[in-house]
Amino acid sequence: MRIVIQRAKGASVTINGHVNAAFEGLGYVILLGIESSDTQEDVDWLVRKVSALRVFDDAEGVMNRSIVDIAGEHEGADGNVIVVSQFTLFASYKKGNRPSWLRAAPHEISVPLYEAFIQKLSEAIGRPVGHGEFGADMKVKLCNDGPVTIIMDTKNKE
Protein backbone atom coordinates (compact mmCIF):
# COMPACT_ATOMS: atom_id res chain seq x y z
CA MET A 1 0.00 0.00 0.00
CA ARG A 2 1.15 3.46 -0.77
CA ILE A 3 -0.33 6.70 0.48
CA VAL A 4 0.25 10.37 -0.08
CA ILE A 5 -0.82 12.43 2.95
CA GLN A 6 -1.39 16.12 2.44
CA ARG A 7 -1.92 18.36 5.43
CA ALA A 8 -4.76 20.64 4.45
CA LYS A 9 -6.76 23.63 5.60
CA GLY A 10 -10.07 22.53 4.17
CA ALA A 11 -10.80 19.98 1.48
CA SER A 12 -13.58 18.34 -0.48
CA VAL A 13 -14.18 15.51 -2.92
CA THR A 14 -16.96 15.88 -5.48
CA ILE A 15 -18.47 13.10 -7.61
CA ASN A 16 -20.87 13.90 -10.47
CA GLY A 17 -21.40 17.42 -9.14
CA HIS A 18 -22.25 16.21 -5.61
CA VAL A 19 -19.91 16.91 -2.67
CA ASN A 20 -19.27 13.46 -1.23
CA ALA A 21 -17.05 14.60 1.64
CA ALA A 22 -15.68 17.88 2.96
CA PHE A 23 -14.06 19.51 5.96
CA GLU A 24 -12.96 22.98 6.98
CA GLY A 25 -9.98 23.77 9.17
CA LEU A 26 -6.96 21.51 9.62
CA GLY A 27 -6.92 17.90 8.47
CA TYR A 28 -5.61 15.39 5.95
CA VAL A 29 -6.33 14.44 2.39
CA ILE A 30 -5.01 10.91 1.91
CA LEU A 31 -4.54 9.38 -1.52
CA LEU A 32 -4.50 5.58 -1.14
CA GLY A 33 -3.05 3.16 -3.68
CA ILE A 34 -3.36 -0.60 -3.25
CA GLU A 35 -1.36 -3.31 -5.00
CA SER A 36 -2.11 -7.02 -5.32
CA SER A 37 0.26 -8.14 -2.57
CA ASP A 38 -1.32 -5.85 0.08
CA THR A 39 -3.10 -7.35 3.10
CA GLN A 40 -4.91 -6.36 6.27
CA GLU A 41 -1.49 -6.14 7.94
CA ASP A 42 -0.64 -3.26 5.58
CA VAL A 43 -3.90 -1.51 6.53
CA ASP A 44 -3.14 -1.89 10.25
CA TRP A 45 0.42 -0.57 9.89
CA LEU A 46 -0.66 2.47 7.85
CA VAL A 47 -3.49 3.33 10.24
CA ARG A 48 -1.06 3.25 13.19
CA LYS A 49 1.39 5.51 11.35
CA VAL A 50 -1.20 7.98 10.02
CA SER A 51 -3.09 8.39 13.30
CA ALA A 52 0.12 9.03 15.26
CA LEU A 53 1.90 11.17 12.64
CA ARG A 54 2.85 14.49 14.27
CA VAL A 55 2.67 17.19 11.62
CA PHE A 56 0.35 19.76 13.24
CA ASP A 57 1.84 22.69 15.14
CA ASP A 58 1.78 22.90 18.92
CA ALA A 59 1.60 26.19 20.86
CA GLU A 60 5.29 26.86 20.07
CA GLY A 61 4.82 26.34 16.33
CA VAL A 62 6.58 22.96 16.32
CA MET A 63 5.05 20.04 14.38
CA ASN A 64 4.31 18.04 17.50
CA ARG A 65 0.60 17.15 17.29
CA SER A 66 -1.26 14.36 15.51
CA ILE A 67 -4.66 14.25 13.84
CA VAL A 68 -5.96 12.70 17.07
CA ASP A 69 -4.56 15.64 19.06
CA ILE A 70 -6.37 18.23 16.95
CA ALA A 71 -9.70 16.35 16.85
CA GLY A 72 -12.57 18.66 17.68
CA GLU A 73 -10.58 21.87 17.18
CA HIS A 74 -11.59 22.23 13.55
CA GLU A 75 -15.01 20.74 12.98
CA GLY A 76 -16.02 19.45 9.60
CA ALA A 77 -18.90 17.41 8.27
CA ASP A 78 -16.62 14.42 7.74
CA GLY A 79 -14.16 14.80 10.58
CA ASN A 80 -10.88 16.15 9.35
CA VAL A 81 -9.76 13.39 7.01
CA ILE A 82 -10.72 12.52 3.46
CA VAL A 83 -9.44 9.29 1.87
CA VAL A 84 -9.44 8.96 -1.92
CA SER A 85 -8.61 5.77 -3.82
CA GLN A 86 -5.70 6.39 -6.18
CA PHE A 87 -4.59 3.43 -8.31
CA THR A 88 -2.30 5.77 -10.26
CA LEU A 89 0.12 5.77 -7.30
CA PHE A 90 1.34 2.46 -8.75
CA ALA A 91 1.95 3.74 -12.27
CA SER A 92 4.85 2.15 -14.10
CA TYR A 93 6.48 4.65 -16.44
CA LYS A 94 9.75 2.89 -17.29
CA LYS A 95 8.79 1.92 -20.86
CA GLY A 96 7.49 4.58 -23.19
CA ASN A 97 5.34 7.52 -22.17
CA ARG A 98 2.03 5.87 -21.42
CA PRO A 99 1.85 4.61 -17.82
CA SER A 100 0.98 1.02 -17.03
CA TRP A 101 -1.20 0.12 -14.04
CA LEU A 102 -0.21 -3.55 -13.71
CA ARG A 103 0.88 -3.17 -10.07
CA ALA A 104 -2.47 -1.72 -8.99
CA ALA A 105 -4.66 -4.39 -7.37
CA PRO A 106 -7.90 -5.49 -9.02
CA HIS A 107 -11.24 -4.46 -7.47
CA GLU A 108 -11.73 -7.73 -5.57
CA ILE A 109 -8.57 -6.95 -3.57
CA SER A 110 -8.66 -3.14 -3.57
CA VAL A 111 -12.24 -2.44 -2.51
CA PRO A 112 -12.20 -4.47 0.75
CA LEU A 113 -8.79 -3.04 1.75
CA TYR A 114 -9.87 0.52 0.88
CA GLU A 115 -13.00 0.14 2.99
CA ALA A 116 -11.03 -1.48 5.83
CA PHE A 117 -8.54 1.41 5.81
CA ILE A 118 -11.33 3.97 6.09
CA GLN A 119 -13.06 2.05 8.90
CA LYS A 120 -9.89 1.39 10.91
CA LEU A 121 -8.70 4.99 10.53
CA SER A 122 -12.07 6.28 11.70
CA GLU A 123 -11.82 4.04 14.78
CA ALA A 124 -8.23 5.11 15.44
CA ILE A 125 -8.94 8.85 15.34
CA GLY A 126 -12.37 8.62 16.97
CA ARG A 127 -14.08 10.56 14.17
CA PRO A 128 -15.78 9.82 10.88
CA VAL A 129 -13.49 9.73 7.87
CA GLY A 130 -14.79 11.22 4.64
CA HIS A 131 -14.01 9.44 1.42
CA GLY A 132 -14.45 9.33 -2.29
CA GLU A 133 -16.05 6.51 -4.23
CA PHE A 134 -13.84 3.68 -5.39
CA GLY A 135 -13.37 3.82 -9.16
CA ALA A 136 -15.32 7.05 -9.64
CA ASP A 137 -14.18 10.15 -11.50
CA MET A 138 -13.61 12.51 -8.57
CA LYS A 139 -12.73 16.17 -8.24
CA VAL A 140 -10.57 16.76 -5.18
CA LYS A 141 -10.03 20.26 -3.84
CA LEU A 142 -7.74 21.14 -1.00
CA CYS A 143 -5.72 23.95 0.40
CA ASN A 144 -2.36 22.26 1.02
CA ASP A 145 -1.10 23.63 4.33
CA GLY A 146 2.64 24.24 4.62
CA PRO A 147 2.80 22.54 2.20
CA VAL A 148 3.23 19.31 4.11
CA THR A 149 3.07 16.24 1.88
CA ILE A 150 4.31 12.83 3.04
CA ILE A 151 4.51 9.55 1.15
CA MET A 152 4.29 6.25 3.03
CA ASP A 153 4.71 2.79 1.52
CA THR A 154 4.14 -0.42 3.44
CA LYS A 155 6.96 -2.03 1.44
CA ASN A 156 9.38 0.45 3.08
CA LYS A 157 8.51 0.13 6.75
CA GLU A 158 12.05 0.55 7.99
C-alpha atoms as a PDB file:
ATOM      1  CA  MET A   1       0.000   0.000   0.000  1.00  0.00           C
ATOM      2  CA  ARG A   2       1.151   3.455  -0.773  1.00  0.00           C
ATOM      3  CA  ILE A   3      -0.333   6.703   0.483  1.00  0.00           C
ATOM      4  CA  VAL A   4       0.250  10.368  -0.077  1.00  0.00           C
ATOM      5  CA  ILE A   5      -0.822  12.429   2.947  1.00  0.00           C
ATOM      6  CA  GLN A   6      -1.392  16.120   2.443  1.00  0.00           C
ATOM      7  CA  ARG A   7      -1.916  18.358   5.433  1.00  0.00           C
ATOM      8  CA  ALA A   8      -4.764  20.640   4.449  1.00  0.00           C
ATOM      9  CA  LYS A   9      -6.765  23.633   5.603  1.00  0.00           C
ATOM     10  CA  GLY A  10     -10.067  22.529   4.172  1.00  0.00           C
ATOM     11  CA  ALA A  11     -10.798  19.979   1.481  1.00  0.00           C
ATOM     12  CA  SER A  12     -13.577  18.342  -0.484  1.00  0.00           C
ATOM     13  CA  VAL A  13     -14.182  15.512  -2.916  1.00  0.00           C
ATOM     14  CA  THR A  14     -16.959  15.875  -5.481  1.00  0.00           C
ATOM     15  CA  ILE A  15     -18.472  13.101  -7.606  1.00  0.00           C
ATOM     16  CA  ASN A  16     -20.868  13.899 -10.466  1.00  0.00           C
ATOM     17  CA  GLY A  17     -21.398  17.423  -9.138  1.00  0.00           C
ATOM     18  CA  HIS A  18     -22.250  16.214  -5.612  1.00  0.00           C
ATOM     19  CA  VAL A  19     -19.914  16.910  -2.666  1.00  0.00           C
ATOM     20  CA  ASN A  20     -19.272  13.456  -1.231  1.00  0.00           C
ATOM     21  CA  ALA A  21     -17.048  14.596   1.644  1.00  0.00           C
ATOM     22  CA  ALA A  22     -15.680  17.881   2.960  1.00  0.00           C
ATOM     23  CA  PHE A  23     -14.062  19.512   5.961  1.00  0.00           C
ATOM     24  CA  GLU A  24     -12.962  22.979   6.983  1.00  0.00           C
ATOM     25  CA  GLY A  25      -9.976  23.766   9.169  1.00  0.00           C
ATOM     26  CA  LEU A  26      -6.958  21.510   9.617  1.00  0.00           C
ATOM     27  CA  GLY A  27      -6.919  17.904   8.474  1.00  0.00           C
ATOM     28  CA  TYR A  28      -5.614  15.393   5.949  1.00  0.00           C
ATOM     29  CA  VAL A  29      -6.333  14.441   2.394  1.00  0.00           C
ATOM     30  CA  ILE A  30      -5.015  10.912   1.913  1.00  0.00           C
ATOM     31  CA  LEU A  31      -4.537   9.381  -1.524  1.00  0.00           C
ATOM     32  CA  LEU A  32      -4.496   5.582  -1.141  1.00  0.00           C
ATOM     33  CA  GLY A  33      -3.049   3.160  -3.678  1.00  0.00           C
ATOM     34  CA  ILE A  34      -3.361  -0.605  -3.249  1.00  0.00           C
ATOM     35  CA  GLU A  35      -1.364  -3.310  -5.002  1.00  0.00           C
ATOM     36  CA  SER A  36      -2.114  -7.016  -5.323  1.00  0.00           C
ATOM     37  CA  SER A  37       0.263  -8.137  -2.565  1.00  0.00           C
ATOM     38  CA  ASP A  38      -1.319  -5.854   0.082  1.00  0.00           C
ATOM     39  CA  THR A  39      -3.095  -7.348   3.101  1.00  0.00           C
ATOM     40  CA  GLN A  40      -4.912  -6.355   6.275  1.00  0.00           C
ATOM     41  CA  GLU A  41      -1.487  -6.136   7.938  1.00  0.00           C
ATOM     42  CA  ASP A  42      -0.637  -3.258   5.582  1.00  0.00           C
ATOM     43  CA  VAL A  43      -3.902  -1.512   6.526  1.00  0.00           C
ATOM     44  CA  ASP A  44      -3.141  -1.891  10.246  1.00  0.00           C
ATOM     45  CA  TRP A  45       0.418  -0.565   9.891  1.00  0.00           C
ATOM     46  CA  LEU A  46      -0.656   2.474   7.854  1.00  0.00           C
ATOM     47  CA  VAL A  47      -3.491   3.332  10.243  1.00  0.00           C
ATOM     48  CA  ARG A  48      -1.061   3.253  13.193  1.00  0.00           C
ATOM     49  CA  LYS A  49       1.386   5.513  11.349  1.00  0.00           C
ATOM     50  CA  VAL A  50      -1.205   7.981  10.022  1.00  0.00           C
ATOM     51  CA  SER A  51      -3.091   8.386  13.297  1.00  0.00           C
ATOM     52  CA  ALA A  52       0.118   9.025  15.261  1.00  0.00           C
ATOM     53  CA  LEU A  53       1.903  11.173  12.643  1.00  0.00           C
ATOM     54  CA  ARG A  54       2.850  14.491  14.272  1.00  0.00           C
ATOM     55  CA  VAL A  55       2.665  17.194  11.619  1.00  0.00           C
ATOM     56  CA  PHE A  56       0.353  19.760  13.238  1.00  0.00           C
ATOM     57  CA  ASP A  57       1.837  22.688  15.141  1.00  0.00           C
ATOM     58  CA  ASP A  58       1.782  22.899  18.918  1.00  0.00           C
ATOM     59  CA  ALA A  59       1.602  26.195  20.863  1.00  0.00           C
ATOM     60  CA  GLU A  60       5.289  26.861  20.071  1.00  0.00           C
ATOM     61  CA  GLY A  61       4.818  26.337  16.330  1.00  0.00           C
ATOM     62  CA  VAL A  62       6.579  22.957  16.320  1.00  0.00           C
ATOM     63  CA  MET A  63       5.049  20.039  14.385  1.00  0.00           C
ATOM     64  CA  ASN A  64       4.308  18.043  17.498  1.00  0.00           C
ATOM     65  CA  ARG A  65       0.600  17.152  17.293  1.00  0.00           C
ATOM     66  CA  SER A  66      -1.258  14.358  15.505  1.00  0.00           C
ATOM     67  CA  ILE A  67      -4.658  14.253  13.836  1.00  0.00           C
ATOM     68  CA  VAL A  68      -5.957  12.701  17.066  1.00  0.00           C
ATOM     69  CA  ASP A  69      -4.561  15.640  19.061  1.00  0.00           C
ATOM     70  CA  ILE A  70      -6.373  18.230  16.949  1.00  0.00           C
ATOM     71  CA  ALA A  71      -9.701  16.349  16.849  1.00  0.00           C
ATOM     72  CA  GLY A  72     -12.566  18.662  17.676  1.00  0.00           C
ATOM     73  CA  GLU A  73     -10.580  21.868  17.178  1.00  0.00           C
ATOM     74  CA  HIS A  74     -11.586  22.235  13.551  1.00  0.00           C
ATOM     75  CA  GLU A  75     -15.013  20.741  12.982  1.00  0.00           C
ATOM     76  CA  GLY A  76     -16.024  19.451   9.600  1.00  0.00           C
ATOM     77  CA  ALA A  77     -18.898  17.413   8.267  1.00  0.00           C
ATOM     78  CA  ASP A  78     -16.620  14.417   7.736  1.00  0.00           C
ATOM     79  CA  GLY A  79     -14.161  14.797  10.576  1.00  0.00           C
ATOM     80  CA  ASN A  80     -10.883  16.151   9.352  1.00  0.00           C
ATOM     81  CA  VAL A  81      -9.755  13.392   7.008  1.00  0.00           C
ATOM     82  CA  ILE A  82     -10.721  12.520   3.460  1.00  0.00           C
ATOM     83  CA  VAL A  83      -9.439   9.293   1.871  1.00  0.00           C
ATOM     84  CA  VAL A  84      -9.442   8.961  -1.919  1.00  0.00           C
ATOM     85  CA  SER A  85      -8.607   5.769  -3.817  1.00  0.00           C
ATOM     86  CA  GLN A  86      -5.704   6.394  -6.176  1.00  0.00           C
ATOM     87  CA  PHE A  87      -4.588   3.435  -8.307  1.00  0.00           C
ATOM     88  CA  THR A  88      -2.300   5.771 -10.259  1.00  0.00           C
ATOM     89  CA  LEU A  89       0.123   5.772  -7.305  1.00  0.00           C
ATOM     90  CA  PHE A  90       1.337   2.463  -8.750  1.00  0.00           C
ATOM     91  CA  ALA A  91       1.947   3.744 -12.272  1.00  0.00           C
ATOM     92  CA  SER A  92       4.845   2.155 -14.101  1.00  0.00           C
ATOM     93  CA  TYR A  93       6.480   4.648 -16.443  1.00  0.00           C
ATOM     94  CA  LYS A  94       9.751   2.895 -17.290  1.00  0.00           C
ATOM     95  CA  LYS A  95       8.793   1.922 -20.863  1.00  0.00           C
ATOM     96  CA  GLY A  96       7.494   4.580 -23.187  1.00  0.00           C
ATOM     97  CA  ASN A  97       5.345   7.522 -22.169  1.00  0.00           C
ATOM     98  CA  ARG A  98       2.025   5.872 -21.420  1.00  0.00           C
ATOM     99  CA  PRO A  99       1.853   4.612 -17.820  1.00  0.00           C
ATOM    100  CA  SER A 100       0.984   1.020 -17.026  1.00  0.00           C
ATOM    101  CA  TRP A 101      -1.203   0.122 -14.042  1.00  0.00           C
ATOM    102  CA  LEU A 102      -0.212  -3.555 -13.712  1.00  0.00           C
ATOM    103  CA  ARG A 103       0.883  -3.171 -10.074  1.00  0.00           C
ATOM    104  CA  ALA A 104      -2.468  -1.722  -8.993  1.00  0.00           C
ATOM    105  CA  ALA A 105      -4.658  -4.385  -7.371  1.00  0.00           C
ATOM    106  CA  PRO A 106      -7.905  -5.486  -9.021  1.00  0.00           C
ATOM    107  CA  HIS A 107     -11.236  -4.456  -7.470  1.00  0.00           C
ATOM    108  CA  GLU A 108     -11.730  -7.725  -5.570  1.00  0.00           C
ATOM    109  CA  ILE A 109      -8.568  -6.947  -3.565  1.00  0.00           C
ATOM    110  CA  SER A 110      -8.664  -3.143  -3.574  1.00  0.00           C
ATOM    111  CA  VAL A 111     -12.236  -2.443  -2.509  1.00  0.00           C
ATOM    112  CA  PRO A 112     -12.198  -4.466   0.752  1.00  0.00           C
ATOM    113  CA  LEU A 113      -8.795  -3.035   1.747  1.00  0.00           C
ATOM    114  CA  TYR A 114      -9.866   0.519   0.875  1.00  0.00           C
ATOM    115  CA  GLU A 115     -13.000   0.135   2.993  1.00  0.00           C
ATOM    116  CA  ALA A 116     -11.027  -1.476   5.826  1.00  0.00           C
ATOM    117  CA  PHE A 117      -8.536   1.411   5.813  1.00  0.00           C
ATOM    118  CA  ILE A 118     -11.333   3.974   6.091  1.00  0.00           C
ATOM    119  CA  GLN A 119     -13.062   2.050   8.903  1.00  0.00           C
ATOM    120  CA  LYS A 120      -9.886   1.392  10.912  1.00  0.00           C
ATOM    121  CA  LEU A 121      -8.696   4.992  10.530  1.00  0.00           C
ATOM    122  CA  SER A 122     -12.070   6.277  11.704  1.00  0.00           C
ATOM    123  CA  GLU A 123     -11.823   4.041  14.776  1.00  0.00           C
ATOM    124  CA  ALA A 124      -8.227   5.115  15.443  1.00  0.00           C
ATOM    125  CA  ILE A 125      -8.937   8.847  15.336  1.00  0.00           C
ATOM    126  CA  GLY A 126     -12.369   8.616  16.965  1.00  0.00           C
ATOM    127  CA  ARG A 127     -14.076  10.556  14.171  1.00  0.00           C
ATOM    128  CA  PRO A 128     -15.782   9.822  10.880  1.00  0.00           C
ATOM    129  CA  VAL A 129     -13.492   9.727   7.868  1.00  0.00           C
ATOM    130  CA  GLY A 130     -14.785  11.220   4.640  1.00  0.00           C
ATOM    131  CA  HIS A 131     -14.011   9.439   1.417  1.00  0.00           C
ATOM    132  CA  GLY A 132     -14.454   9.326  -2.288  1.00  0.00           C
ATOM    133  CA  GLU A 133     -16.049   6.506  -4.232  1.00  0.00           C
ATOM    134  CA  PHE A 134     -13.840   3.685  -5.391  1.00  0.00           C
ATOM    135  CA  GLY A 135     -13.372   3.818  -9.160  1.00  0.00           C
ATOM    136  CA  ALA A 136     -15.321   7.051  -9.641  1.00  0.00           C
ATOM    137  CA  ASP A 137     -14.180  10.152 -11.502  1.00  0.00           C
ATOM    138  CA  MET A 138     -13.608  12.513  -8.566  1.00  0.00           C
ATOM    139  CA  LYS A 139     -12.733  16.171  -8.244  1.00  0.00           C
ATOM    140  CA  VAL A 140     -10.573  16.757  -5.182  1.00  0.00           C
ATOM    141  CA  LYS A 141     -10.025  20.260  -3.836  1.00  0.00           C
ATOM    142  CA  LEU A 142      -7.742  21.136  -1.002  1.00  0.00           C
ATOM    143  CA  CYS A 143      -5.722  23.950   0.403  1.00  0.00           C
ATOM    144  CA  ASN A 144      -2.362  22.257   1.017  1.00  0.00           C
ATOM    145  CA  ASP A 145      -1.104  23.631   4.335  1.00  0.00           C
ATOM    146  CA  GLY A 146       2.636  24.242   4.617  1.00  0.00           C
ATOM    147  CA  PRO A 147       2.802  22.539   2.199  1.00  0.00           C
ATOM    148  CA  VAL A 148       3.226  19.307   4.114  1.00  0.00           C
ATOM    149  CA  THR A 149       3.073  16.242   1.880  1.00  0.00           C
ATOM    150  CA  ILE A 150       4.312  12.833   3.040  1.00  0.00           C
ATOM    151  CA  ILE A 151       4.513   9.552   1.150  1.00  0.00           C
ATOM    152  CA  MET A 152       4.295   6.247   3.027  1.00  0.00           C
ATOM    153  CA  ASP A 153       4.710   2.787   1.521  1.00  0.00           C
ATOM    154  CA  THR A 154       4.145  -0.423   3.440  1.00  0.00           C
ATOM    155  CA  LYS A 155       6.956  -2.034   1.439  1.00  0.00           C
ATOM    156  CA  ASN A 156       9.378   0.453   3.077  1.00  0.00           C
ATOM    157  CA  LYS A 157       8.509   0.132   6.755  1.00  0.00           C
ATOM    158  CA  GLU A 158      12.052   0.550   7.992  1.00  0.00           C
END
